[in-house]
Amino acid sequence: MFPFTYKPLLLGVLCLSFLIPSACSEKQEELNLYSARKEKLIKPLLDEFTKKTNIKVNLVTGKADALLKRLQVEGKNSPADIFITSDAGRLYRAQQAGVLQSIQSSILNKAIPSHLREPNGFWYGLSQRARPIFYVKDRVNPKELSTYEDLANPKWQGQICIRSSSNIYNQSLVASMLENNKKEVVEKWAKGLVANFAKPPKGGDRDQIAAAAAGQCDIAIANTYYFGKMLNAKKDPQQQKFAEAMAIFWPNQLGRGTHVNVSGIAVTKAAKNKNNAIKLIEFLVSPKSQQWYAESNHEYPVITDVEWSEDLKSWGKFKTDTLNLSKLGELNTEAVKLMDRAGWK
């Protein structure tokens, strides 16, 4: 047994003689990430980040609401440094639950437009998805389409497919309308929209596109990246066929623009590795990372100096609604109540 005072000297001798390599190497830095995005949609970028920085990222994936609940239950003892989820409405819920912390980064503030991030730095958009109108090419004349508001017109009775009011994407769409219109106007619109449903809401966005292509309705509301997935579903020719029967119409181009939302990222309140967490977020909004998002998941970059994928280019450029997306969370409760009153199931 060596006296304690000789241990540093002994360790140095052993390191120099390479007898105990593990004793000489520094412990690798790590980050813990809770992600509501599937592993294949984030892991390649995390691996690239580790190669560049030697910071290992431990990934936990799950359903958005379940991960938020986990953060709440774990509290200050949560191992998570970073939280990724979809939709500004969910990011707002996490902020209100007190599981996020504000961060500041000149890189993030310069790269990401102000409407795509929380004003006080509680969360930042990573990628954009639009929620436009999809129509059956051989049954609808796009010249008859114009705005979200016009979908309540009786001329569309029995022609609209959209998922349920419990879906956060629809809640955020209605919240955006509340920010841009008087409440009574939006409530009247919602009742008119419900009256034009071709069938009771059921299934996800891809189901709405498929229902329209199959003749159950003529118009569907869905997020663009689902359409991209269907067009590229090489192992599912039926999905491709459904998507090929549809086209995108960008609503409200003469007004506020088409509704967009984000998948976003935040540093948790319990983060033990805050500085490295910020490094990862900055890496994820770099041009190379943003290009990967556009190519792999048919989402729009949040930064402006990245070329769109061929699919995104084929859908055309469009004007987007630039209200700050934090408003979607602030108005979520009011939007849900309004949808309930309108009979939107």
Protein backbone atom coordinates (compact mmCIF):
# COMPACT_ATOMS: atom_id res chain seq x y z
CA MET A 1 0.00 0.00 0.00
CA PHE A 2 1.52 3.32 -1.04
CA PRO A 3 1.25 6.38 1.22
CA PHE A 4 -1.35 8.89 -0.05
CA THR A 5 1.29 11.57 -0.74
CA TYR A 6 3.00 9.34 -3.33
CA LYS A 7 -0.09 8.51 -5.37
CA PRO A 8 0.13 11.49 -7.81
CA LEU A 9 3.80 10.71 -8.47
CA LEU A 10 3.05 7.03 -9.00
CA LEU A 11 0.18 7.83 -11.39
CA GLY A 12 2.45 10.09 -13.42
CA VAL A 13 5.08 7.35 -13.72
CA LEU A 14 2.45 4.82 -14.81
CA CYS A 15 1.03 7.22 -17.40
CA LEU A 16 4.46 7.85 -18.87
CA SER A 17 5.14 4.12 -19.10
CA PHE A 18 1.69 3.50 -20.68
CA LEU A 19 1.02 0.72 -18.20
CA ILE A 20 -2.44 2.05 -17.29
CA PRO A 21 -3.81 4.10 -20.25
CA SER A 22 -7.24 4.46 -18.69
CA ALA A 23 -5.76 6.25 -15.72
CA CYS A 24 -4.33 8.94 -17.98
CA SER A 25 -7.30 9.69 -20.21
CA GLU A 26 -9.74 12.45 -19.34
CA LYS A 27 -13.37 11.53 -18.78
CA GLN A 28 -15.49 12.24 -21.87
CA GLU A 29 -17.99 15.05 -21.44
CA GLU A 30 -21.64 14.10 -21.87
CA LEU A 31 -25.09 15.58 -22.50
CA ASN A 32 -28.48 14.03 -21.84
CA LEU A 33 -31.22 14.73 -24.36
CA TYR A 34 -34.96 14.00 -24.10
CA SER A 35 -36.40 14.03 -27.61
CA ALA A 36 -39.98 13.69 -28.84
CA ARG A 37 -38.51 13.31 -32.31
CA LYS A 38 -37.77 9.77 -33.43
CA GLU A 39 -34.17 8.60 -33.16
CA LYS A 40 -33.58 8.49 -36.92
CA LEU A 41 -34.56 12.17 -37.16
CA ILE A 42 -31.93 13.39 -34.71
CA LYS A 43 -29.29 10.68 -34.03
CA PRO A 44 -27.18 11.27 -37.18
CA LEU A 45 -26.74 14.91 -36.18
CA LEU A 46 -25.88 13.99 -32.59
CA ASP A 47 -23.22 11.58 -33.83
CA GLU A 48 -21.75 14.32 -36.01
CA PHE A 49 -21.73 16.70 -33.03
CA THR A 50 -19.85 14.12 -30.94
CA LYS A 51 -17.25 13.66 -33.68
CA LYS A 52 -16.72 17.41 -33.83
CA THR A 53 -16.64 18.17 -30.10
CA ASN A 54 -15.97 14.83 -28.35
CA ILE A 55 -19.11 15.50 -26.26
CA LYS A 56 -21.20 12.33 -26.03
CA VAL A 57 -24.97 12.80 -26.28
CA ASN A 58 -27.15 10.26 -24.47
CA LEU A 59 -30.51 10.16 -26.25
CA VAL A 60 -33.87 9.28 -24.74
CA THR A 61 -36.84 9.31 -27.12
CA GLY A 62 -40.54 9.13 -26.33
CA LYS A 63 -43.94 10.73 -26.81
CA ALA A 64 -43.98 14.49 -26.33
CA ASP A 65 -46.46 14.63 -23.46
CA ALA A 66 -44.86 11.67 -21.68
CA LEU A 67 -41.41 13.28 -21.80
CA LEU A 68 -42.76 16.55 -20.45
CA LYS A 69 -44.45 14.68 -17.61
CA ARG A 70 -41.17 12.90 -16.90
CA LEU A 71 -39.34 16.21 -16.66
CA GLN A 72 -41.96 17.47 -14.21
CA VAL A 73 -41.80 14.36 -12.04
CA GLU A 74 -37.99 14.32 -12.00
CA GLY A 75 -37.81 18.01 -11.15
CA LYS A 76 -34.39 19.33 -10.16
CA ASN A 77 -33.06 15.77 -10.13
CA SER A 78 -33.74 15.24 -13.82
CA PRO A 79 -30.67 14.06 -15.73
CA ALA A 80 -31.92 15.81 -18.89
CA ASP A 81 -29.95 18.79 -20.17
CA ILE A 82 -31.98 19.37 -23.35
CA PHE A 83 -35.59 18.86 -24.43
CA ILE A 84 -36.76 18.60 -28.06
CA THR A 85 -40.43 18.55 -28.98
CA SER A 86 -42.72 19.50 -31.85
CA ASP A 87 -45.05 22.49 -31.98
CA ALA A 88 -44.69 25.84 -30.24
CA GLY A 89 -47.79 25.00 -28.20
CA ARG A 90 -45.96 22.12 -26.53
CA LEU A 91 -42.85 24.22 -25.98
CA TYR A 92 -45.02 26.81 -24.26
CA ARG A 93 -46.49 24.11 -22.00
CA ALA A 94 -42.99 23.03 -20.99
CA GLN A 95 -42.06 26.64 -20.25
CA GLN A 96 -45.18 27.14 -18.14
CA ALA A 97 -44.48 23.88 -16.30
CA GLY A 98 -41.21 25.40 -15.10
CA VAL A 99 -38.92 22.73 -16.56
CA LEU A 100 -37.02 25.01 -18.96
CA GLN A 101 -34.50 27.77 -18.41
CA SER A 102 -33.72 30.87 -20.40
CA ILE A 103 -30.44 30.96 -22.28
CA GLN A 104 -28.76 33.61 -24.38
CA SER A 105 -26.61 33.04 -27.44
CA SER A 106 -25.61 35.64 -30.00
CA ILE A 107 -25.20 32.81 -32.52
CA LEU A 108 -28.78 31.64 -32.03
CA ASN A 109 -30.23 35.13 -31.95
CA LYS A 110 -28.48 35.99 -35.20
CA ALA A 111 -29.30 32.74 -37.00
CA ILE A 112 -32.95 32.22 -36.03
CA PRO A 113 -35.60 34.83 -36.96
CA SER A 114 -37.21 36.36 -33.87
CA HIS A 115 -40.68 34.93 -34.56
CA LEU A 116 -39.28 31.39 -34.53
CA ARG A 117 -37.90 31.59 -30.99
CA GLU A 118 -39.22 32.47 -27.56
CA PRO A 119 -38.55 36.17 -26.85
CA ASN A 120 -36.71 35.49 -23.57
CA GLY A 121 -34.67 32.54 -24.79
CA PHE A 122 -36.67 29.69 -23.24
CA TRP A 123 -36.82 27.78 -26.55
CA TYR A 124 -35.61 27.99 -30.15
CA GLY A 125 -37.05 26.64 -33.40
CA LEU A 126 -34.99 23.91 -35.08
CA SER A 127 -37.05 23.28 -38.21
CA GLN A 128 -40.23 24.64 -39.75
CA ARG A 129 -43.32 22.89 -41.07
CA ALA A 130 -46.17 24.61 -42.88
CA ARG A 131 -49.84 23.63 -42.53
CA PRO A 132 -51.40 24.53 -45.88
CA ILE A 133 -54.42 23.35 -47.84
CA PHE A 134 -54.10 20.14 -49.88
CA TYR A 135 -56.55 19.56 -52.71
CA VAL A 136 -57.33 16.72 -55.14
CA LYS A 137 -55.87 17.83 -58.46
CA ASP A 138 -58.58 16.44 -60.72
CA ARG A 139 -61.53 17.55 -58.57
CA VAL A 140 -60.67 21.03 -57.26
CA ASN A 141 -59.80 24.16 -59.20
CA PRO A 142 -57.12 25.95 -57.15
CA LYS A 143 -58.50 29.27 -58.37
CA GLU A 144 -61.46 28.63 -56.09
CA LEU A 145 -59.18 28.44 -53.03
CA SER A 146 -57.95 31.49 -51.17
CA THR A 147 -57.70 31.53 -47.35
CA TYR A 148 -58.19 29.39 -44.27
CA GLU A 149 -61.18 31.61 -43.51
CA ASP A 150 -62.82 30.72 -46.84
CA LEU A 151 -62.93 27.03 -45.89
CA ALA A 152 -66.03 27.89 -43.83
CA ASN A 153 -67.81 28.92 -47.03
CA PRO A 154 -70.88 26.67 -47.65
CA LYS A 155 -69.53 25.91 -51.12
CA TRP A 156 -67.11 23.47 -49.42
CA GLN A 157 -69.85 21.57 -47.57
CA GLY A 158 -68.97 17.89 -47.21
CA GLN A 159 -65.56 18.37 -48.83
CA ILE A 160 -63.07 18.93 -45.99
CA CYS A 161 -60.95 16.39 -44.10
CA ILE A 162 -59.01 17.43 -41.00
CA ARG A 163 -57.92 15.68 -37.83
CA SER A 164 -59.47 16.17 -34.40
CA SER A 165 -59.48 19.20 -32.13
CA SER A 166 -57.34 17.31 -29.62
CA ASN A 167 -54.41 17.58 -32.04
CA ILE A 168 -51.91 20.27 -31.09
CA TYR A 169 -51.29 21.20 -34.75
CA ASN A 170 -54.94 22.18 -35.21
CA GLN A 171 -55.02 23.92 -31.85
CA SER A 172 -52.05 26.04 -32.92
CA LEU A 173 -53.68 26.81 -36.27
CA VAL A 174 -56.78 28.10 -34.48
CA ALA A 175 -54.60 30.01 -32.01
CA SER A 176 -52.89 31.74 -34.94
CA MET A 177 -56.30 32.74 -36.27
CA LEU A 178 -57.27 34.14 -32.87
CA GLU A 179 -54.16 36.30 -32.92
CA ASN A 180 -55.09 37.63 -36.37
CA ASN A 181 -58.89 37.96 -36.04
CA LYS A 182 -61.53 38.86 -33.46
CA LYS A 183 -62.69 35.94 -31.32
CA GLU A 184 -66.27 36.07 -32.57
CA VAL A 185 -65.04 35.95 -36.17
CA VAL A 186 -62.92 32.86 -35.47
CA GLU A 187 -65.75 31.15 -33.61
CA LYS A 188 -68.09 31.70 -36.54
CA TRP A 189 -65.41 30.37 -38.86
CA ALA A 190 -64.88 27.24 -36.74
CA LYS A 191 -68.60 26.44 -36.77
CA GLY A 192 -68.67 26.89 -40.54
CA LEU A 193 -65.61 24.69 -40.97
CA VAL A 194 -67.15 21.91 -38.87
CA ALA A 195 -70.31 22.13 -40.98
CA ASN A 196 -68.14 21.44 -44.05
CA PHE A 197 -66.46 18.30 -42.67
CA ALA A 198 -66.80 15.33 -45.00
CA LYS A 199 -66.52 12.90 -42.08
CA PRO A 200 -65.87 12.93 -38.32
CA PRO A 201 -62.18 13.69 -37.63
CA LYS A 202 -60.13 10.53 -37.30
CA GLY A 203 -56.48 9.62 -37.73
CA GLY A 204 -53.39 11.69 -38.44
CA ASP A 205 -52.39 14.11 -41.19
CA ARG A 206 -51.47 11.37 -43.63
CA ASP A 207 -54.90 9.83 -43.12
CA GLN A 208 -56.54 13.11 -44.17
CA ILE A 209 -54.48 13.24 -47.39
CA ALA A 210 -55.23 9.58 -48.10
CA ALA A 211 -58.97 10.11 -47.47
CA ALA A 212 -59.05 12.97 -49.95
CA ALA A 213 -57.18 11.02 -52.61
CA ALA A 214 -59.53 8.07 -52.06
CA GLY A 215 -62.58 10.22 -52.72
CA GLN A 216 -63.89 10.76 -49.18
CA CYS A 217 -63.31 14.51 -49.46
CA ASP A 218 -61.70 17.01 -51.81
CA ILE A 219 -59.63 19.12 -49.41
CA ALA A 220 -57.34 18.18 -46.53
CA ILE A 221 -55.41 20.23 -43.97
CA ALA A 222 -52.02 18.72 -43.09
CA ASN A 223 -48.40 19.50 -42.34
CA THR A 224 -46.10 19.58 -45.34
CA TYR A 225 -43.53 17.10 -44.05
CA TYR A 226 -46.16 14.35 -43.89
CA PHE A 227 -46.86 14.97 -47.57
CA GLY A 228 -43.14 14.69 -48.28
CA LYS A 229 -42.96 11.39 -46.43
CA MET A 230 -45.86 10.02 -48.46
CA LEU A 231 -44.34 11.09 -51.77
CA ASN A 232 -41.11 9.31 -50.81
CA ALA A 233 -42.68 6.18 -49.30
CA LYS A 234 -40.95 3.78 -51.71
CA LYS A 235 -41.95 0.78 -49.62
CA ASP A 236 -45.60 1.82 -49.68
CA PRO A 237 -46.73 2.51 -53.28
CA GLN A 238 -50.29 3.20 -52.08
CA GLN A 239 -49.09 6.13 -49.97
CA GLN A 240 -47.18 7.49 -52.94
CA LYS A 241 -50.25 7.14 -55.14
CA PHE A 242 -52.39 9.05 -52.65
CA ALA A 243 -49.83 11.87 -52.39
CA GLU A 244 -49.41 12.11 -56.15
CA ALA A 245 -53.15 12.74 -56.50
CA MET A 246 -52.83 15.85 -54.33
CA ALA A 247 -51.37 19.33 -54.69
CA ILE A 248 -50.56 22.11 -52.22
CA PHE A 249 -52.34 25.44 -52.09
CA TRP A 250 -50.69 28.13 -49.98
CA PRO A 251 -53.49 30.05 -48.25
CA ASN A 252 -53.62 33.70 -47.17
CA GLN A 253 -50.90 34.82 -49.58
CA LEU A 254 -52.50 38.24 -49.99
CA GLY A 255 -52.72 38.67 -46.23
CA ARG A 256 -50.79 37.38 -43.25
CA GLY A 257 -49.43 34.27 -45.01
CA THR A 258 -49.61 30.53 -44.47
CA HIS A 259 -49.49 29.17 -40.93
CA VAL A 260 -46.13 27.65 -39.93
CA ASN A 261 -44.90 25.96 -36.78
CA VAL A 262 -41.64 24.45 -35.55
CA SER A 263 -39.97 21.55 -33.90
CA GLY A 264 -38.02 23.25 -31.15
CA ILE A 265 -35.32 22.80 -28.56
CA ALA A 266 -34.71 24.08 -25.03
CA VAL A 267 -32.28 23.75 -22.14
CA THR A 268 -33.90 22.17 -19.10
CA LYS A 269 -34.01 23.93 -15.77
CA ALA A 270 -32.19 20.97 -14.21
CA ALA A 271 -29.37 21.00 -16.78
CA LYS A 272 -25.99 20.10 -15.30
CA ASN A 273 -24.20 20.80 -18.60
CA LYS A 274 -25.66 24.12 -19.69
CA ASN A 275 -22.70 25.39 -21.70
CA ASN A 276 -22.38 22.19 -23.70
CA ALA A 277 -26.14 22.16 -24.20
CA ILE A 278 -25.91 25.58 -25.82
CA LYS A 279 -23.08 24.30 -28.03
CA LEU A 280 -25.32 21.51 -29.27
CA ILE A 281 -28.21 23.86 -30.05
CA GLU A 282 -25.85 26.16 -31.96
CA PHE A 283 -24.58 23.13 -33.90
CA LEU A 284 -28.14 22.10 -34.81
CA VAL A 285 -28.85 25.46 -36.45
CA SER A 286 -25.63 25.45 -38.45
CA PRO A 287 -26.09 25.37 -42.25
CA LYS A 288 -24.95 21.74 -42.54
CA SER A 289 -27.38 20.55 -39.87
CA GLN A 290 -30.22 22.57 -41.31
CA GLN A 291 -29.53 21.15 -44.76
CA TRP A 292 -29.79 17.64 -43.34
CA TYR A 293 -33.18 18.42 -41.77
CA ALA A 294 -34.51 19.68 -45.09
CA GLU A 295 -33.28 16.64 -47.00
CA SER A 296 -34.18 13.92 -44.51
CA ASN A 297 -37.53 15.04 -43.11
CA HIS A 298 -38.95 17.44 -45.69
CA GLU A 299 -38.92 20.34 -43.23
CA TYR A 300 -38.04 23.94 -43.90
CA PRO A 301 -34.83 25.33 -42.36
CA VAL A 302 -35.15 28.00 -39.68
CA ILE A 303 -32.15 29.84 -41.09
CA THR A 304 -32.33 31.69 -44.38
CA ASP A 305 -29.01 30.82 -46.08
CA VAL A 306 -29.72 27.11 -46.66
CA GLU A 307 -30.84 25.68 -49.97
CA TRP A 308 -34.15 23.82 -49.88
CA SER A 309 -34.41 20.16 -50.84
CA GLU A 310 -35.75 19.29 -54.28
CA ASP A 311 -39.14 18.33 -52.81
CA LEU A 312 -39.48 21.65 -50.99
CA LYS A 313 -38.49 23.54 -54.13
CA SER A 314 -41.10 21.67 -56.17
CA TRP A 315 -43.87 22.90 -53.86
CA GLY A 316 -42.99 26.52 -54.59
CA LYS A 317 -42.11 29.51 -52.46
CA PHE A 318 -44.76 31.09 -50.29
CA LYS A 319 -45.42 33.86 -47.79
CA THR A 320 -45.47 32.70 -44.16
CA ASP A 321 -47.30 34.10 -41.16
CA THR A 322 -44.60 35.74 -39.04
CA LEU A 323 -46.39 36.15 -35.73
CA ASN A 324 -44.18 35.10 -32.82
CA LEU A 325 -44.93 31.44 -32.25
CA SER A 326 -45.03 31.86 -28.48
CA LYS A 327 -48.51 33.33 -29.10
CA LEU A 328 -49.69 29.87 -30.15
CA GLY A 329 -49.06 28.62 -26.63
CA GLU A 330 -50.51 31.67 -24.93
CA LEU A 331 -53.76 31.31 -26.90
CA ASN A 332 -53.97 27.50 -26.75
CA THR A 333 -56.55 27.28 -23.95
CA GLU A 334 -58.80 29.81 -25.64
CA ALA A 335 -58.44 27.97 -28.96
CA VAL A 336 -59.42 24.60 -27.43
CA LYS A 337 -62.49 26.08 -25.74
CA LEU A 338 -63.54 27.73 -29.00
CA MET A 339 -63.14 24.45 -30.92
CA ASP A 340 -65.27 22.66 -28.33
CA ARG A 341 -68.03 25.25 -28.63
CA ALA A 342 -67.94 24.86 -32.41
CA GLY A 343 -68.55 21.12 -32.12
CA TRP A 344 -65.11 20.20 -33.44
CA LYS A 345 -64.59 16.73 -32.02
